[in-house]
Amino acid sequence: MPRTATELLETTTAQLAPDPRANPLVPLIERGAAPRETLAALALEQGWVIPADRRAFLHLARRAADRPETAAFFTALAEGEALAQQRLPAFARACGVDETRAREYRPLPGCQAYPAGVAWLALNAAPADVVLALTANFSAWGGYCARIATSLRYHYGFTDDACAFFDLFARPAPELERAATEAVRAALDEGTLDESRAYTYGRLLQNYEAMFWSTLTHTA
């Protein structure tokens, strides 16, 4: 029996759920055991990730211009990244990062594998397949952000302004979920969605994200 877009998104997200041990940093933050230098590295790495992902999403939206549902999903993602970029500096300042340090920072390869993978998808993958892969990945990211936001307030005394970056991703995004569902539904109706490819892309993204957190943990 053919699956609906909602069922496919839910199944793929469940299949790609990360191993709880794949992120060793968030438990450290939850215990208040992560050094502020590690938090600073998190802010600095995100300073490279966010603009790269935004450009990749805009490129995917342009590639999907003939499929409005898919283009709308990537446009919404790009808008979210723009908002995240506005909120990141407050977190960076709370971690002791100034403009000079940000300008001179050299990013870590293990942390930049994720945006590199997204850029590869933007150039090479069918946009509809990327919708499915990204949506599955975002579920884990949102959970991490919720835990970090709570812990930064409790253990590190960060203000709401300093935590706003994580709050953005932690809160439910029903409009984005609807956009993803509509994009996947349209691709299923057209017969243009390659579930196997989408799963492969999602698995790669989950591994790249695990590399991100593991690399940061080694700076602790």
Protein backbone atom coordinates (compact mmCIF):
# COMPACT_ATOMS: atom_id res chain seq x y z
CA MET A 1 0.00 0.00 0.00
CA PRO A 2 1.46 3.40 -0.95
CA ARG A 3 2.47 5.50 2.01
CA THR A 4 1.30 9.05 2.58
CA ALA A 5 3.77 11.93 2.81
CA THR A 6 3.20 12.14 6.57
CA GLU A 7 3.82 8.43 7.05
CA LEU A 8 6.99 8.56 4.94
CA LEU A 9 8.36 11.51 6.90
CA GLU A 10 7.60 9.85 10.23
CA THR A 11 9.08 6.51 9.17
CA THR A 12 12.26 8.04 7.77
CA THR A 13 12.73 10.21 10.84
CA ALA A 14 12.38 7.18 13.10
CA GLN A 15 14.79 5.13 10.99
CA LEU A 16 17.41 7.88 11.08
CA ALA A 17 17.10 8.70 14.76
CA PRO A 18 20.66 9.02 16.08
CA ASP A 19 22.19 6.73 18.63
CA PRO A 20 21.93 8.46 22.04
CA ARG A 21 25.69 8.11 22.33
CA ALA A 22 26.27 9.96 19.05
CA ASN A 23 26.31 13.31 20.81
CA PRO A 24 28.66 13.31 23.79
CA LEU A 25 28.66 17.10 24.18
CA VAL A 26 25.03 17.78 25.06
CA PRO A 27 25.17 15.56 28.19
CA LEU A 28 28.26 17.49 29.29
CA ILE A 29 26.40 20.78 28.88
CA GLU A 30 23.42 19.34 30.76
CA ARG A 31 25.72 18.60 33.71
CA GLY A 32 27.36 22.01 33.50
CA ALA A 33 30.64 20.20 32.80
CA ALA A 34 31.38 21.63 29.35
CA PRO A 35 34.02 24.39 29.55
CA ARG A 36 33.06 27.82 28.30
CA GLU A 37 35.84 27.49 25.74
CA THR A 38 33.95 24.57 24.24
CA LEU A 39 30.77 26.63 24.17
CA ALA A 40 32.76 29.36 22.45
CA ALA A 41 33.92 26.85 19.84
CA LEU A 42 30.29 25.86 19.30
CA ALA A 43 29.39 29.48 18.64
CA LEU A 44 32.34 30.00 16.33
CA GLU A 45 31.64 26.88 14.31
CA GLN A 46 28.00 27.89 13.92
CA GLY A 47 29.26 31.19 12.59
CA TRP A 48 30.57 29.22 9.62
CA VAL A 49 27.74 26.70 9.35
CA ILE A 50 24.77 29.06 9.25
CA PRO A 51 25.67 31.25 6.25
CA ALA A 52 26.84 28.20 4.30
CA ASP A 53 23.58 26.34 4.92
CA ARG A 54 21.54 29.43 4.05
CA ARG A 55 23.21 29.75 0.66
CA ALA A 56 22.75 26.03 0.03
CA PHE A 57 19.03 26.26 0.83
CA LEU A 58 18.61 29.26 -1.46
CA HIS A 59 20.33 27.34 -4.24
CA LEU A 60 18.01 24.38 -3.70
CA ALA A 61 15.01 26.74 -3.83
CA ARG A 62 16.21 28.08 -7.17
CA ARG A 63 16.73 24.56 -8.51
CA ALA A 64 13.19 23.69 -7.46
CA ALA A 65 11.63 26.79 -9.01
CA ASP A 66 9.36 24.64 -11.19
CA ARG A 67 8.05 22.82 -8.10
CA PRO A 68 6.58 25.51 -5.83
CA GLU A 69 5.99 23.22 -2.84
CA THR A 70 9.62 22.17 -2.75
CA ALA A 71 10.91 25.68 -3.39
CA ALA A 72 8.76 27.01 -0.54
CA PHE A 73 10.31 24.52 1.89
CA PHE A 74 13.87 25.58 1.08
CA THR A 75 12.97 29.25 1.11
CA ALA A 76 11.55 28.80 4.61
CA LEU A 77 14.75 27.08 5.70
CA ALA A 78 16.86 29.92 4.32
CA GLU A 79 14.73 32.46 6.18
CA GLY A 80 15.20 30.48 9.37
CA GLU A 81 18.98 30.51 8.90
CA ALA A 82 18.89 34.28 8.41
CA LEU A 83 17.06 34.64 11.71
CA ALA A 84 19.51 32.29 13.41
CA GLN A 85 22.40 34.39 12.13
CA GLN A 86 20.87 37.41 13.84
CA ARG A 87 20.58 35.56 17.15
CA LEU A 88 23.99 33.87 17.19
CA PRO A 89 26.11 36.92 18.21
CA ALA A 90 24.42 37.16 21.62
CA PHE A 91 25.37 33.55 22.35
CA ALA A 92 28.91 34.15 21.11
CA ARG A 93 29.31 37.22 23.34
CA ALA A 94 28.07 35.27 26.35
CA CYS A 95 30.83 32.74 25.61
CA GLY A 96 33.46 35.48 25.53
CA VAL A 97 33.84 35.65 21.76
CA ASP A 98 34.58 39.09 20.32
CA GLU A 99 34.81 40.21 16.68
CA THR A 100 38.58 39.78 16.53
CA ARG A 101 38.44 36.21 17.76
CA ALA A 102 35.61 35.38 15.37
CA ARG A 103 37.53 36.86 12.44
CA GLU A 104 40.73 34.97 13.27
CA TYR A 105 39.08 31.64 14.13
CA ARG A 106 40.06 28.60 12.08
CA PRO A 107 37.13 26.16 11.80
CA LEU A 108 37.50 22.48 12.60
CA PRO A 109 37.12 20.02 9.69
CA GLY A 110 34.97 17.65 11.73
CA CYS A 111 32.51 20.43 12.45
CA GLN A 112 32.36 21.65 8.86
CA ALA A 113 31.62 18.25 7.33
CA TYR A 114 27.90 18.91 7.83
CA PRO A 115 27.64 22.16 5.83
CA ALA A 116 29.95 20.66 3.23
CA GLY A 117 27.53 17.75 2.92
CA VAL A 118 24.56 20.10 2.61
CA ALA A 119 26.40 22.04 -0.09
CA TRP A 120 27.04 18.78 -1.96
CA LEU A 121 23.35 17.97 -1.79
CA ALA A 122 22.47 21.45 -3.04
CA LEU A 123 24.60 20.86 -6.13
CA ASN A 124 23.98 17.19 -6.83
CA ALA A 125 20.85 15.77 -5.22
CA ALA A 126 17.25 15.96 -6.39
CA PRO A 127 15.65 18.69 -4.24
CA ALA A 128 12.69 16.51 -3.25
CA ASP A 129 15.05 13.86 -1.91
CA VAL A 130 16.84 16.52 0.12
CA VAL A 131 13.55 17.62 1.69
CA LEU A 132 13.06 14.17 3.15
CA ALA A 133 16.67 13.80 4.27
CA LEU A 134 16.84 17.19 5.96
CA THR A 135 13.50 16.88 7.70
CA ALA A 136 14.59 13.61 9.29
CA ASN A 137 17.83 15.21 10.45
CA PHE A 138 16.21 18.34 11.88
CA SER A 139 14.27 16.32 14.41
CA ALA A 140 17.46 15.42 16.29
CA TRP A 141 18.90 18.92 15.99
CA GLY A 142 15.81 20.50 17.52
CA GLY A 143 15.97 18.15 20.51
CA TYR A 144 19.62 18.97 21.10
CA CYS A 145 18.89 22.70 21.00
CA ALA A 146 16.08 22.38 23.54
CA ARG A 147 18.37 20.59 25.98
CA ILE A 148 21.19 23.06 25.47
CA ALA A 149 18.94 26.10 25.97
CA THR A 150 17.67 24.75 29.28
CA SER A 151 21.15 23.86 30.49
CA LEU A 152 22.74 27.17 29.52
CA ARG A 153 20.22 28.98 31.68
CA TYR A 154 20.47 26.60 34.63
CA HIS A 155 24.20 25.86 34.81
CA TYR A 156 25.83 28.81 33.07
CA GLY A 157 23.48 31.66 33.92
CA PHE A 158 22.95 32.67 30.30
CA THR A 159 20.20 35.19 29.59
CA ASP A 160 17.22 34.63 27.32
CA ASP A 161 18.97 36.75 24.70
CA ALA A 162 22.05 34.55 24.84
CA CYS A 163 19.90 31.41 24.52
CA ALA A 164 17.67 32.76 21.73
CA PHE A 165 19.68 30.98 19.04
CA PHE A 166 18.89 27.59 20.55
CA ASP A 167 15.33 28.57 21.43
CA LEU A 168 14.71 29.27 17.76
CA PHE A 169 15.45 25.69 16.73
CA ALA A 170 14.00 24.11 19.87
CA ARG A 171 10.47 25.38 19.46
CA PRO A 172 7.94 23.55 17.26
CA ALA A 173 7.84 24.67 13.63
CA PRO A 174 4.40 23.62 12.34
CA GLU A 175 4.66 25.79 9.22
CA LEU A 176 7.94 24.16 8.25
CA GLU A 177 6.48 20.73 8.94
CA ARG A 178 3.55 21.53 6.68
CA ALA A 179 5.90 22.78 3.98
CA ALA A 180 7.92 19.55 4.16
CA THR A 181 4.76 17.44 3.99
CA GLU A 182 3.48 19.35 0.97
CA ALA A 183 6.83 19.02 -0.80
CA VAL A 184 7.04 15.28 -0.16
CA ARG A 185 3.38 14.80 -1.14
CA ALA A 186 3.94 16.61 -4.44
CA ALA A 187 7.02 14.50 -5.18
CA LEU A 188 5.15 11.28 -4.38
CA ASP A 189 2.27 12.32 -6.64
CA GLU A 190 4.73 13.04 -9.47
CA GLY A 191 6.72 9.88 -8.84
CA THR A 192 9.94 11.89 -8.52
CA LEU A 193 10.93 10.94 -4.98
CA ASP A 194 13.73 8.40 -4.62
CA GLU A 195 13.28 7.07 -1.09
CA SER A 196 16.50 5.08 -1.16
CA ARG A 197 18.55 8.10 -2.16
CA ALA A 198 16.81 10.27 0.42
CA TYR A 199 17.57 7.74 3.14
CA THR A 200 21.23 7.62 2.06
CA TYR A 201 21.46 11.40 2.21
CA GLY A 202 19.80 11.44 5.61
CA ARG A 203 22.17 8.82 6.97
CA LEU A 204 25.15 10.86 5.76
CA LEU A 205 23.79 14.02 7.37
CA GLN A 206 23.26 12.22 10.68
CA ASN A 207 26.85 11.01 10.60
CA TYR A 208 28.14 14.47 9.72
CA GLU A 209 26.20 15.89 12.65
CA ALA A 210 27.66 13.25 14.96
CA MET A 211 31.12 14.34 13.76
CA PHE A 212 30.22 17.93 14.62
CA TRP A 213 29.40 17.15 18.24
CA SER A 214 32.22 14.66 18.69
CA THR A 215 34.78 17.12 17.34
CA LEU A 216 33.60 19.83 19.72
CA THR A 217 33.70 17.40 22.65
CA HIS A 218 37.39 16.86 22.00
CA THR A 219 37.97 20.57 22.59
CA ALA A 220 36.59 20.22 26.12
